[in-house]
């Protein structure tokens, strides 16, 4: 059985599509991320992974995140 590698959204290169596994942060932060669409099993596409922030697309909306927040979003490779 192949090993599934979990990474954080901050580690994902631009152009990659992933699926949210879970959120690993303070409950208030997790709730706010879910309001933006970063729910478990949501599909996320990394648009840009620059030096100071990450831009991703979730629910057909582009969202900019700092790396502290992006590190709280644990993702898996997408099956799309």
Protein backbone atom coordinates (compact mmCIF):
# COMPACT_ATOMS: atom_id res chain seq x y z
CA UNK A 1 0.00 0.00 0.00
CA UNK A 2 1.50 3.37 -0.98
CA UNK A 3 2.30 5.78 1.81
CA UNK A 4 0.25 9.00 1.84
CA UNK A 5 2.38 12.05 2.53
CA UNK A 6 0.70 14.91 4.37
CA UNK A 7 2.13 18.37 3.92
CA UNK A 8 1.02 21.85 4.84
CA UNK A 9 -0.37 24.28 2.30
CA UNK A 10 2.75 26.45 2.80
CA UNK A 11 4.89 23.64 1.32
CA UNK A 12 2.89 23.25 -1.89
CA UNK A 13 4.41 24.60 -5.11
CA UNK A 14 2.46 26.92 -7.40
CA UNK A 15 0.20 25.12 -9.86
CA UNK A 16 -0.48 22.18 -7.54
CA UNK A 17 -3.98 21.09 -6.54
CA UNK A 18 -4.46 19.50 -3.11
CA UNK A 19 -7.25 18.41 -0.77
CA UNK A 20 -7.54 19.68 2.81
CA UNK A 21 -7.01 16.85 5.30
CA UNK A 22 -7.48 18.85 8.50
CA UNK A 23 -6.75 22.17 10.18
CA UNK A 24 -4.15 22.36 12.93
CA UNK A 25 -4.55 25.66 14.76
CA UNK A 26 -6.47 27.46 17.50
CA UNK A 27 -10.23 26.70 17.24
CA UNK A 28 -11.05 30.34 16.41
CA UNK A 29 -8.53 30.31 13.54
CA UNK A 30 -9.88 26.97 12.29
CA UNK A 31 -13.43 28.31 12.31
CA UNK A 32 -12.37 31.43 10.38
CA UNK A 33 -10.53 29.31 7.79
CA UNK A 34 -13.65 27.17 7.34
CA UNK A 35 -15.68 30.35 6.74
CA UNK A 36 -13.30 31.10 3.84
CA UNK A 37 -13.83 27.61 2.41
CA UNK A 38 -10.80 25.79 3.83
CA UNK A 39 -12.94 22.89 5.07
CA UNK A 40 -11.88 19.29 5.39
CA UNK A 41 -11.99 17.63 1.92
CA UNK A 42 -12.05 21.01 0.11
CA UNK A 43 -10.00 21.22 -3.08
CA UNK A 44 -7.36 23.96 -3.08
CA UNK A 45 -5.18 25.12 -5.97
CA UNK A 46 -1.94 26.92 -5.15
CA UNK A 47 -1.72 29.89 -7.53
CA UNK A 48 1.46 31.50 -6.19
CA UNK A 49 3.89 30.60 -3.45
CA UNK A 50 6.10 33.66 -3.03
CA UNK A 51 8.55 34.87 -0.43
CA UNK A 52 6.05 36.52 1.90
CA UNK A 53 2.64 35.03 1.15
CA UNK A 54 0.80 32.26 -0.61
CA UNK A 55 -2.13 32.80 -2.97
CA UNK A 56 -4.51 29.93 -3.47
CA UNK A 57 -7.88 29.33 -5.03
CA UNK A 58 -10.67 27.83 -2.95
CA UNK A 59 -14.36 27.78 -3.92
CA UNK A 60 -13.53 29.72 -7.12
CA UNK A 61 -12.08 32.58 -5.04
CA UNK A 62 -8.44 33.59 -4.70
CA UNK A 63 -7.26 34.02 -1.13
CA UNK A 64 -3.91 35.33 0.14
CA UNK A 65 -2.50 33.70 3.28
CA UNK A 66 0.59 34.33 5.34
CA UNK A 67 2.85 31.33 5.97
CA UNK A 68 1.84 30.93 9.62
CA UNK A 69 -1.77 30.43 8.56
CA UNK A 70 -0.86 28.28 5.55
CA UNK A 71 1.16 26.00 7.86
CA UNK A 72 -2.02 25.31 9.83
CA UNK A 73 -3.73 23.78 6.77
CA UNK A 74 -2.67 20.14 6.37
CA UNK A 75 -3.22 18.83 2.84
CA UNK A 76 -3.05 15.65 0.78
CA UNK A 77 -2.46 15.19 -2.94
CA UNK A 78 -5.67 15.76 -4.87
CA UNK A 79 -7.33 12.92 -6.76
CA UNK A 80 -8.69 15.22 -9.49
